[in-house]
Amino acid sequence: MKKEIVIAGFGGQGVMSIGKSLVEAGLEEGLEVSWVPSYGPEMRGGTANCSVIMSDEPVGSPIVYHPTELIAMNGPSLKKFEDEVVPGGTVFLNSSIIKEKVDREDLRVIQVPCDTIANELGNGKVANMVMLGAYIAATGALKADTLREMIRQMFTGPKAKLVDLNMTALARGMECV
């Protein structure tokens, strides 16, 4: 199994957090992993992205040229990376924001209303957890229990009150697939 993923969106949408969560969970499950963030003007509202590789064999290079999956949290990210996805790959769209259609017919498209669900839950910041849930449900690349345990470990002390919200967001994302 080898997953090469590009995750992209506006700065502040939790794109880097999705990538780090995938890598940390993959590492916990014994996979070989890499995570390459792209920083710069993205933090000011531009398109931020990161590349993630999860494999059961050593990762030779952390660079992802042709992802097996694209997670697009906004329209500019879809336009920027759609052509790079391998034929037969999967594109995850934040359908709350992205109104454009995927141009290629050789890709599987999964539409997830991340922002809509996050707002229904009362906190727009969990849209990334919704997408993460959809990703793991659709690909089976990681166990949901591993991510649930990560959430419990991430939110401790004063942030412990965010565990239930993030667990619900993850579950709602999984239900979308």
N, C-alpha and C. Protein backbone atom coordinates (compact mmCIF):
# COMPACT_ATOMS: atom_id res chain seq x y z
N MET A 1 0.85 -1.18 0.00
CA MET A 1 0.00 0.00 0.00
C MET A 1 0.89 1.23 0.00
N LYS A 2 0.61 2.12 -0.92
CA LYS A 2 1.31 3.41 -0.94
C LYS A 2 0.30 4.48 -1.32
N LYS A 3 0.16 5.46 -0.45
CA LYS A 3 -0.71 6.61 -0.69
C LYS A 3 0.16 7.84 -0.82
N GLU A 4 -0.01 8.56 -1.91
CA GLU A 4 0.67 9.83 -2.11
C GLU A 4 -0.43 10.88 -2.22
N ILE A 5 -0.48 11.79 -1.25
CA ILE A 5 -1.62 12.69 -1.10
C ILE A 5 -1.16 14.14 -1.14
N VAL A 6 -1.90 14.95 -1.87
CA VAL A 6 -1.73 16.40 -1.79
C VAL A 6 -2.97 16.94 -1.11
N ILE A 7 -2.75 17.76 -0.09
CA ILE A 7 -3.84 18.38 0.67
C ILE A 7 -3.68 19.88 0.50
N ALA A 8 -4.71 20.56 0.01
CA ALA A 8 -4.56 21.97 -0.29
C ALA A 8 -5.82 22.75 0.02
N GLY A 9 -5.64 24.02 0.36
CA GLY A 9 -6.75 24.91 0.66
C GLY A 9 -6.23 26.27 1.04
N PHE A 10 -7.11 27.14 1.50
CA PHE A 10 -6.70 28.45 1.98
C PHE A 10 -5.96 28.29 3.31
N GLY A 11 -5.02 29.18 3.58
CA GLY A 11 -4.40 29.22 4.90
C GLY A 11 -5.48 29.38 5.95
N GLY A 12 -5.41 28.61 7.01
CA GLY A 12 -6.40 28.69 8.08
C GLY A 12 -7.48 27.63 8.01
N GLN A 13 -7.51 26.83 6.93
CA GLN A 13 -8.52 25.78 6.81
C GLN A 13 -8.10 24.47 7.46
N GLY A 14 -6.92 24.43 8.05
CA GLY A 14 -6.48 23.21 8.71
C GLY A 14 -5.85 22.20 7.79
N VAL A 15 -5.36 22.65 6.65
CA VAL A 15 -4.73 21.77 5.66
C VAL A 15 -3.51 21.06 6.26
N MET A 16 -2.65 21.83 6.91
CA MET A 16 -1.44 21.24 7.50
C MET A 16 -1.81 20.26 8.61
N SER A 17 -2.86 20.58 9.35
CA SER A 17 -3.32 19.70 10.42
C SER A 17 -3.81 18.36 9.88
N ILE A 18 -4.51 18.37 8.75
CA ILE A 18 -4.93 17.12 8.13
C ILE A 18 -3.70 16.28 7.80
N GLY A 19 -2.72 16.92 7.17
CA GLY A 19 -1.50 16.21 6.79
C GLY A 19 -0.76 15.64 7.98
N LYS A 20 -0.57 16.46 9.01
CA LYS A 20 0.13 15.98 10.21
C LYS A 20 -0.64 14.85 10.88
N SER A 21 -1.95 14.95 10.91
CA SER A 21 -2.76 13.89 11.52
C SER A 21 -2.60 12.58 10.77
N LEU A 22 -2.61 12.63 9.43
CA LEU A 22 -2.42 11.42 8.64
C LEU A 22 -1.06 10.79 8.91
N VAL A 23 -0.03 11.63 8.94
CA VAL A 23 1.33 11.13 9.14
C VAL A 23 1.50 10.54 10.54
N GLU A 24 1.02 11.24 11.54
CA GLU A 24 1.16 10.74 12.91
C GLU A 24 0.39 9.43 13.11
N ALA A 25 -0.81 9.34 12.55
CA ALA A 25 -1.59 8.11 12.65
C ALA A 25 -0.91 6.99 11.87
N GLY A 26 -0.40 7.31 10.68
CA GLY A 26 0.32 6.32 9.89
C GLY A 26 1.53 5.78 10.63
N LEU A 27 2.27 6.67 11.26
CA LEU A 27 3.43 6.27 12.04
C LEU A 27 3.01 5.36 13.20
N GLU A 28 1.92 5.72 13.85
CA GLU A 28 1.40 4.91 14.96
C GLU A 28 1.02 3.51 14.49
N GLU A 29 0.56 3.41 13.24
CA GLU A 29 0.16 2.11 12.69
C GLU A 29 1.32 1.37 12.03
N GLY A 30 2.53 1.89 12.16
CA GLY A 30 3.71 1.19 11.65
C GLY A 30 4.03 1.45 10.20
N LEU A 31 3.44 2.47 9.60
CA LEU A 31 3.72 2.79 8.21
C LEU A 31 4.94 3.68 8.09
N GLU A 32 5.54 3.68 6.93
CA GLU A 32 6.60 4.63 6.59
C GLU A 32 5.87 5.88 6.11
N VAL A 33 6.28 7.05 6.58
CA VAL A 33 5.54 8.27 6.28
C VAL A 33 6.46 9.44 5.96
N SER A 34 5.94 10.41 5.24
CA SER A 34 6.61 11.70 5.07
C SER A 34 5.55 12.78 4.96
N TRP A 35 5.93 13.98 5.37
CA TRP A 35 5.03 15.14 5.35
C TRP A 35 5.86 16.34 4.92
N VAL A 36 5.47 16.99 3.83
CA VAL A 36 6.19 18.16 3.35
C VAL A 36 5.20 19.31 3.25
N PRO A 37 5.28 20.27 4.19
CA PRO A 37 4.39 21.44 4.14
C PRO A 37 4.93 22.49 3.18
N SER A 38 4.03 23.30 2.65
CA SER A 38 4.42 24.43 1.82
C SER A 38 3.94 25.70 2.52
N TYR A 39 4.90 26.49 2.97
CA TYR A 39 4.57 27.73 3.68
C TYR A 39 4.94 28.92 2.80
N GLY A 40 4.47 30.06 3.17
CA GLY A 40 4.77 31.29 2.44
C GLY A 40 3.60 32.22 2.57
N PRO A 41 3.22 32.89 1.48
CA PRO A 41 2.09 33.83 1.56
C PRO A 41 0.77 33.12 1.82
N GLU A 42 0.80 31.78 1.81
CA GLU A 42 -0.41 31.01 2.07
C GLU A 42 -1.03 31.38 3.42
N MET A 43 -0.19 31.72 4.39
CA MET A 43 -0.70 32.03 5.73
C MET A 43 -1.51 33.32 5.72
N ARG A 44 -1.47 34.06 4.64
CA ARG A 44 -2.21 35.31 4.52
C ARG A 44 -3.45 35.15 3.64
N GLY A 45 -3.90 33.92 3.47
CA GLY A 45 -5.12 33.69 2.72
C GLY A 45 -4.92 33.07 1.35
N GLY A 46 -3.67 32.83 0.95
CA GLY A 46 -3.40 32.19 -0.33
C GLY A 46 -3.64 30.69 -0.22
N THR A 47 -3.25 29.95 -1.25
CA THR A 47 -3.44 28.51 -1.26
C THR A 47 -2.27 27.83 -0.55
N ALA A 48 -2.56 27.17 0.56
CA ALA A 48 -1.56 26.40 1.31
C ALA A 48 -1.68 24.94 0.91
N ASN A 49 -0.57 24.21 0.97
CA ASN A 49 -0.65 22.79 0.65
C ASN A 49 0.45 22.01 1.36
N CYS A 50 0.22 20.72 1.44
CA CYS A 50 1.25 19.83 1.95
C CYS A 50 1.13 18.50 1.21
N SER A 51 2.23 17.79 1.20
CA SER A 51 2.28 16.47 0.58
C SER A 51 2.50 15.43 1.66
N VAL A 52 1.78 14.34 1.56
CA VAL A 52 1.88 13.25 2.52
C VAL A 52 2.09 11.95 1.76
N ILE A 53 3.00 11.14 2.26
CA ILE A 53 3.18 9.79 1.73
C ILE A 53 3.04 8.83 2.90
N MET A 54 2.22 7.81 2.71
CA MET A 54 2.08 6.71 3.67
C MET A 54 2.29 5.42 2.90
N SER A 55 3.20 4.58 3.37
CA SER A 55 3.53 3.37 2.64
C SER A 55 3.92 2.26 3.59
N ASP A 56 3.75 1.03 3.14
CA ASP A 56 4.22 -0.10 3.93
C ASP A 56 5.66 -0.46 3.56
N GLU A 57 6.27 0.32 2.67
CA GLU A 57 7.67 0.16 2.29
C GLU A 57 8.38 1.50 2.50
N PRO A 58 9.70 1.50 2.60
CA PRO A 58 10.43 2.76 2.80
C PRO A 58 10.08 3.80 1.72
N VAL A 59 10.02 5.05 2.14
CA VAL A 59 9.72 6.15 1.24
C VAL A 59 11.04 6.68 0.70
N GLY A 60 11.23 6.59 -0.61
CA GLY A 60 12.48 7.00 -1.24
C GLY A 60 12.63 8.50 -1.34
N SER A 61 11.54 9.19 -1.60
CA SER A 61 11.57 10.64 -1.73
C SER A 61 10.28 11.20 -1.16
N PRO A 62 10.36 12.31 -0.44
CA PRO A 62 9.14 12.89 0.14
C PRO A 62 8.33 13.74 -0.84
N ILE A 63 8.84 13.90 -2.04
CA ILE A 63 8.19 14.75 -3.04
C ILE A 63 7.07 13.97 -3.73
N VAL A 64 5.89 14.60 -3.82
CA VAL A 64 4.74 13.99 -4.50
C VAL A 64 4.50 14.75 -5.80
N TYR A 65 4.77 14.07 -6.90
CA TYR A 65 4.54 14.69 -8.21
C TYR A 65 3.17 14.33 -8.76
N HIS A 66 2.76 13.09 -8.54
CA HIS A 66 1.49 12.60 -9.07
C HIS A 66 0.74 11.89 -7.95
N PRO A 67 -0.08 12.65 -7.20
CA PRO A 67 -0.76 12.06 -6.04
C PRO A 67 -1.80 11.01 -6.43
N THR A 68 -1.97 10.04 -5.54
CA THR A 68 -3.05 9.07 -5.71
C THR A 68 -4.36 9.68 -5.24
N GLU A 69 -4.25 10.65 -4.31
CA GLU A 69 -5.43 11.37 -3.83
C GLU A 69 -5.12 12.86 -3.70
N LEU A 70 -6.14 13.64 -3.96
CA LEU A 70 -6.08 15.08 -3.75
C LEU A 70 -7.22 15.45 -2.81
N ILE A 71 -6.88 16.17 -1.74
CA ILE A 71 -7.89 16.72 -0.85
C ILE A 71 -7.90 18.22 -1.12
N ALA A 72 -8.96 18.70 -1.76
CA ALA A 72 -9.08 20.11 -2.13
C ALA A 72 -10.12 20.77 -1.24
N MET A 73 -9.66 21.72 -0.44
CA MET A 73 -10.56 22.42 0.47
C MET A 73 -11.13 23.69 -0.15
N ASN A 74 -10.60 24.11 -1.32
CA ASN A 74 -11.12 25.29 -2.01
C ASN A 74 -10.92 25.14 -3.52
N GLY A 75 -11.60 26.00 -4.29
CA GLY A 75 -11.55 25.94 -5.75
C GLY A 75 -10.17 26.13 -6.34
N PRO A 76 -9.39 27.13 -5.92
CA PRO A 76 -8.05 27.30 -6.48
C PRO A 76 -7.17 26.05 -6.29
N SER A 77 -7.36 25.34 -5.21
CA SER A 77 -6.58 24.11 -4.98
C SER A 77 -6.95 23.02 -5.96
N LEU A 78 -8.23 22.90 -6.25
CA LEU A 78 -8.67 21.92 -7.25
C LEU A 78 -8.04 22.25 -8.59
N LYS A 79 -8.12 23.51 -9.00
CA LYS A 79 -7.56 23.91 -10.29
C LYS A 79 -6.06 23.68 -10.36
N LYS A 80 -5.38 23.97 -9.27
CA LYS A 80 -3.92 23.86 -9.25
C LYS A 80 -3.43 22.41 -9.32
N PHE A 81 -4.13 21.47 -8.68
CA PHE A 81 -3.61 20.11 -8.53
C PHE A 81 -4.36 19.01 -9.27
N GLU A 82 -5.55 19.29 -9.80
CA GLU A 82 -6.34 18.23 -10.44
C GLU A 82 -5.58 17.49 -11.53
N ASP A 83 -4.88 18.20 -12.37
CA ASP A 83 -4.19 17.56 -13.50
C ASP A 83 -3.05 16.65 -13.07
N GLU A 84 -2.57 16.80 -11.84
CA GLU A 84 -1.45 16.01 -11.36
C GLU A 84 -1.86 14.65 -10.82
N VAL A 85 -3.14 14.47 -10.47
CA VAL A 85 -3.61 13.23 -9.87
C VAL A 85 -3.49 12.09 -10.88
N VAL A 86 -3.01 10.92 -10.40
CA VAL A 86 -2.85 9.77 -11.29
C VAL A 86 -4.21 9.33 -11.84
N PRO A 87 -4.25 8.80 -13.07
CA PRO A 87 -5.51 8.25 -13.57
C PRO A 87 -6.03 7.17 -12.62
N GLY A 88 -7.32 7.22 -12.32
CA GLY A 88 -7.92 6.30 -11.38
C GLY A 88 -7.81 6.76 -9.94
N GLY A 89 -7.18 7.92 -9.72
CA GLY A 89 -7.03 8.47 -8.38
C GLY A 89 -8.34 9.05 -7.86
N THR A 90 -8.29 9.57 -6.65
CA THR A 90 -9.49 10.09 -6.00
C THR A 90 -9.29 11.55 -5.63
N VAL A 91 -10.33 12.34 -5.85
CA VAL A 91 -10.34 13.75 -5.47
C VAL A 91 -11.43 13.94 -4.43
N PHE A 92 -11.04 14.47 -3.28
CA PHE A 92 -11.97 14.81 -2.21
C PHE A 92 -12.22 16.31 -2.28
N LEU A 93 -13.47 16.71 -2.45
CA LEU A 93 -13.82 18.12 -2.59
C LEU A 93 -14.60 18.61 -1.39
N ASN A 94 -14.24 19.77 -0.90
CA ASN A 94 -15.05 20.46 0.10
C ASN A 94 -16.20 21.12 -0.67
N SER A 95 -17.29 20.40 -0.81
CA SER A 95 -18.40 20.85 -1.66
C SER A 95 -19.15 22.04 -1.07
N SER A 96 -18.85 22.42 0.16
CA SER A 96 -19.45 23.64 0.72
C SER A 96 -18.90 24.88 0.03
N ILE A 97 -17.68 24.79 -0.45
CA ILE A 97 -16.99 25.92 -1.07
C ILE A 97 -16.79 25.74 -2.56
N ILE A 98 -16.42 24.53 -2.97
CA ILE A 98 -16.06 24.27 -4.37
C ILE A 98 -17.32 23.99 -5.18
N LYS A 99 -17.60 24.86 -6.10
CA LYS A 99 -18.78 24.69 -6.96
C LYS A 99 -18.39 24.16 -8.34
N GLU A 100 -17.11 24.26 -8.67
CA GLU A 100 -16.63 23.76 -9.96
C GLU A 100 -16.67 22.23 -9.96
N LYS A 101 -16.78 21.67 -11.13
CA LYS A 101 -16.75 20.22 -11.30
C LYS A 101 -15.33 19.79 -11.63
N VAL A 102 -15.00 18.56 -11.30
CA VAL A 102 -13.73 17.98 -11.70
C VAL A 102 -13.82 17.75 -13.20
N ASP A 103 -12.83 18.24 -13.93
CA ASP A 103 -12.86 18.15 -15.40
C ASP A 103 -12.57 16.75 -15.91
N ARG A 104 -11.76 16.01 -15.21
CA ARG A 104 -11.34 14.68 -15.68
C ARG A 104 -12.37 13.62 -15.33
N GLU A 105 -12.58 12.72 -16.27
CA GLU A 105 -13.54 11.63 -16.06
C GLU A 105 -12.88 10.36 -15.55
N ASP A 106 -11.55 10.36 -15.45
CA ASP A 106 -10.83 9.17 -15.00
C ASP A 106 -10.52 9.21 -13.50
N LEU A 107 -11.19 10.12 -12.78
CA LEU A 107 -10.98 10.25 -11.35
C LEU A 107 -12.25 9.95 -10.57
N ARG A 108 -12.09 9.37 -9.41
CA ARG A 108 -13.20 9.19 -8.48
C ARG A 108 -13.33 10.50 -7.70
N VAL A 109 -14.54 11.00 -7.59
CA VAL A 109 -14.77 12.27 -6.90
C VAL A 109 -15.67 12.03 -5.70
N ILE A 110 -15.22 12.50 -4.54
CA ILE A 110 -16.01 12.39 -3.32
C ILE A 110 -16.25 13.80 -2.81
N GLN A 111 -17.52 14.18 -2.80
CA GLN A 111 -17.89 15.52 -2.35
C GLN A 111 -18.31 15.47 -0.88
N VAL A 112 -17.66 16.32 -0.09
CA VAL A 112 -17.89 16.35 1.34
C VAL A 112 -18.23 17.80 1.74
N PRO A 113 -19.42 18.05 2.24
CA PRO A 113 -19.78 19.42 2.64
C PRO A 113 -19.16 19.80 3.98
N CYS A 114 -17.85 19.91 4.00
CA CYS A 114 -17.08 20.11 5.25
C CYS A 114 -17.53 21.32 6.04
N ASP A 115 -17.59 22.48 5.38
CA ASP A 115 -17.94 23.71 6.11
C ASP A 115 -19.38 23.67 6.60
N THR A 116 -20.26 23.12 5.81
CA THR A 116 -21.67 23.03 6.20
C THR A 116 -21.80 22.18 7.47
N ILE A 117 -21.15 21.03 7.47
CA ILE A 117 -21.21 20.14 8.63
C ILE A 117 -20.57 20.80 9.84
N ALA A 118 -19.40 21.41 9.64
CA ALA A 118 -18.71 22.07 10.76
C ALA A 118 -19.58 23.17 11.37
N ASN A 119 -20.24 23.94 10.51
CA ASN A 119 -21.12 25.00 11.02
C ASN A 119 -22.34 24.43 11.74
N GLU A 120 -22.86 23.31 11.24
CA GLU A 120 -23.96 22.64 11.94
C GLU A 120 -23.52 22.20 13.34
N LEU A 121 -22.25 21.83 13.47
CA LEU A 121 -21.72 21.40 14.76
C LEU A 121 -21.37 22.58 15.66
N GLY A 122 -21.45 23.79 15.09
CA GLY A 122 -21.23 24.98 15.90
C GLY A 122 -19.82 25.54 15.90
N ASN A 123 -18.93 24.97 15.06
CA ASN A 123 -17.55 25.46 15.04
C ASN A 123 -16.95 25.19 13.65
N GLY A 124 -16.83 26.24 12.86
CA GLY A 124 -16.30 26.11 11.51
C GLY A 124 -14.88 25.59 11.44
N LYS A 125 -14.15 25.63 12.55
CA LYS A 125 -12.76 25.19 12.55
C LYS A 125 -12.60 23.67 12.45
N VAL A 126 -13.68 22.92 12.60
CA VAL A 126 -13.56 21.45 12.52
C VAL A 126 -13.85 20.91 11.12
N ALA A 127 -13.92 21.79 10.13
CA ALA A 127 -14.14 21.34 8.75
C ALA A 127 -13.04 20.38 8.32
N ASN A 128 -11.82 20.61 8.78
CA ASN A 128 -10.72 19.72 8.42
C ASN A 128 -10.91 18.33 9.01
N MET A 129 -11.48 18.22 10.20
CA MET A 129 -11.73 16.91 10.81
C MET A 129 -12.84 16.17 10.06
N VAL A 130 -13.79 16.92 9.54
CA VAL A 130 -14.84 16.31 8.71
C VAL A 130 -14.18 15.68 7.48
N MET A 131 -13.30 16.43 6.83
CA MET A 131 -12.62 15.90 5.63
C MET A 131 -11.73 14.72 5.98
N LEU A 132 -11.04 14.79 7.11
CA LEU A 132 -10.19 13.68 7.53
C LEU A 132 -11.03 12.41 7.72
N GLY A 133 -12.20 12.54 8.32
CA GLY A 133 -13.08 11.39 8.49
C GLY A 133 -13.52 10.80 7.16
N ALA A 134 -13.86 11.67 6.21
CA ALA A 134 -14.25 11.20 4.89
C ALA A 134 -13.09 10.47 4.21
N TYR A 135 -11.90 11.02 4.35
CA TYR A 135 -10.73 10.40 3.71
C TYR A 135 -10.49 8.99 4.24
N ILE A 136 -10.47 8.84 5.56
CA ILE A 136 -10.17 7.50 6.09
C ILE A 136 -11.27 6.51 5.80
N ALA A 137 -12.52 6.98 5.75
CA ALA A 137 -13.63 6.07 5.42
C ALA A 137 -13.56 5.62 3.97
N ALA A 138 -13.19 6.53 3.08
CA ALA A 138 -13.17 6.20 1.64
C ALA A 138 -11.97 5.35 1.25
N THR A 139 -10.83 5.59 1.91
CA THR A 139 -9.60 4.90 1.49
C THR A 139 -9.27 3.68 2.33
N GLY A 140 -9.70 3.66 3.57
CA GLY A 140 -9.31 2.58 4.47
C GLY A 140 -7.82 2.58 4.77
N ALA A 141 -7.15 3.69 4.50
CA ALA A 141 -5.70 3.76 4.68
C ALA A 141 -5.28 3.70 6.14
N LEU A 142 -6.16 4.16 7.02
CA LEU A 142 -5.88 4.17 8.46
C LEU A 142 -7.11 3.71 9.22
N LYS A 143 -6.88 3.30 10.46
CA LYS A 143 -7.99 2.88 11.31
C LYS A 143 -8.58 4.11 12.00
N ALA A 144 -9.90 4.16 12.04
CA ALA A 144 -10.58 5.27 12.72
C ALA A 144 -10.20 5.33 14.19
N ASP A 145 -10.01 4.17 14.82
CA ASP A 145 -9.64 4.15 16.24
C ASP A 145 -8.30 4.83 16.50
N THR A 146 -7.37 4.71 15.55
CA THR A 146 -6.07 5.37 15.70
C THR A 146 -6.26 6.87 15.72
N LEU A 147 -7.11 7.39 14.82
CA LEU A 147 -7.35 8.83 14.78
C LEU A 147 -8.13 9.29 16.01
N ARG A 148 -9.05 8.50 16.47
CA ARG A 148 -9.79 8.87 17.69
C ARG A 148 -8.84 8.99 18.88
N GLU A 149 -7.92 8.07 18.98
CA GLU A 149 -6.95 8.12 20.08
C GLU A 149 -6.05 9.35 19.94
N MET A 150 -5.67 9.69 18.72
CA MET A 150 -4.86 10.89 18.49
C MET A 150 -5.60 12.14 18.95
N ILE A 151 -6.89 12.20 18.65
CA ILE A 151 -7.70 13.36 19.07
C ILE A 151 -7.70 13.47 20.59
N ARG A 152 -7.86 12.34 21.26
CA ARG A 152 -7.84 12.35 22.72
C ARG A 152 -6.50 12.86 23.26
N GLN A 153 -5.42 12.50 22.58
CA GLN A 153 -4.09 12.92 23.03
C GLN A 153 -3.79 14.37 22.67
N MET A 154 -4.34 14.86 21.56
CA MET A 154 -4.08 16.24 21.11
C MET A 154 -4.76 17.26 22.01
N PHE A 155 -5.96 16.95 22.43
CA PHE A 155 -6.76 17.92 23.19
C PHE A 155 -6.81 17.52 24.66
N THR A 156 -5.87 18.06 25.42
CA THR A 156 -5.80 17.78 26.85
C THR A 156 -5.85 19.10 27.62
N GLY A 157 -5.95 18.99 28.91
CA GLY A 157 -5.99 20.19 29.75
C GLY A 157 -7.18 21.06 29.38
N PRO A 158 -6.96 22.37 29.22
CA PRO A 158 -8.07 23.27 28.90
C PRO A 158 -8.75 22.95 27.56
N LYS A 159 -8.00 22.30 26.65
CA LYS A 159 -8.56 21.97 25.34
C LYS A 159 -9.34 20.66 25.33
N ALA A 160 -9.38 19.95 26.45
CA ALA A 160 -10.09 18.67 26.53
C ALA A 160 -11.56 18.81 26.14
N LYS A 161 -12.11 19.98 26.33
CA LYS A 161 -13.52 20.20 25.98
C LYS A 161 -13.75 20.10 24.46
N LEU A 162 -12.67 20.11 23.67
CA LEU A 162 -12.80 20.02 22.21
C LEU A 162 -12.80 18.59 21.69
N VAL A 163 -12.55 17.62 22.56
CA VAL A 163 -12.48 16.22 22.13
C VAL A 163 -13.80 15.77 21.51
N ASP A 164 -14.91 15.97 22.20
CA ASP A 164 -16.21 15.50 21.70
C ASP A 164 -16.56 16.14 20.36
N LEU A 165 -16.32 17.44 20.24
CA LEU A 165 -16.60 18.15 18.99
C LEU A 165 -15.80 17.56 17.83
N ASN A 166 -14.51 17.33 18.05
CA ASN A 166 -13.66 16.78 16.99
C ASN A 166 -14.02 15.33 16.68
N MET A 167 -14.40 14.56 17.68
CA MET A 167 -14.85 13.18 17.45
C MET A 167 -16.12 13.16 16.60
N THR A 168 -17.02 14.07 16.91
CA THR A 168 -18.28 14.15 16.14
C THR A 168 -17.99 14.57 14.71
N ALA A 169 -17.10 15.54 14.53
CA ALA A 169 -16.74 15.99 13.18
C ALA A 169 -16.13 14.85 12.37
N LEU A 170 -15.24 14.09 12.98
CA LEU A 170 -14.61 12.94 12.32
C LEU A 170 -15.68 11.94 11.90
N ALA A 171 -16.60 11.64 12.82
CA ALA A 171 -17.67 10.67 12.53
C ALA A 171 -18.59 11.16 11.42
N ARG A 172 -18.93 12.45 11.44
CA ARG A 172 -19.81 13.00 10.39
C ARG A 172 -19.13 12.92 9.03
N GLY A 173 -17.84 13.15 8.99
CA GLY A 173 -17.09 13.01 7.74
C GLY A 173 -17.12 11.59 7.23
N MET A 174 -16.97 10.65 8.13
CA MET A 174 -17.00 9.23 7.75
C MET A 174 -18.36 8.85 7.18
N GLU A 175 -19.41 9.44 7.73
CA GLU A 175 -20.78 9.15 7.25
C GLU A 175 -21.01 9.66 5.84
N CYS A 176 -20.23 10.62 5.39
CA CYS A 176 -20.43 11.21 4.06
C CYS A 176 -20.03 10.28 2.93
N VAL A 177 -19.28 9.24 3.26
CA VAL A 177 -18.73 8.39 2.21
C VAL A 177 -19.60 7.15 2.02
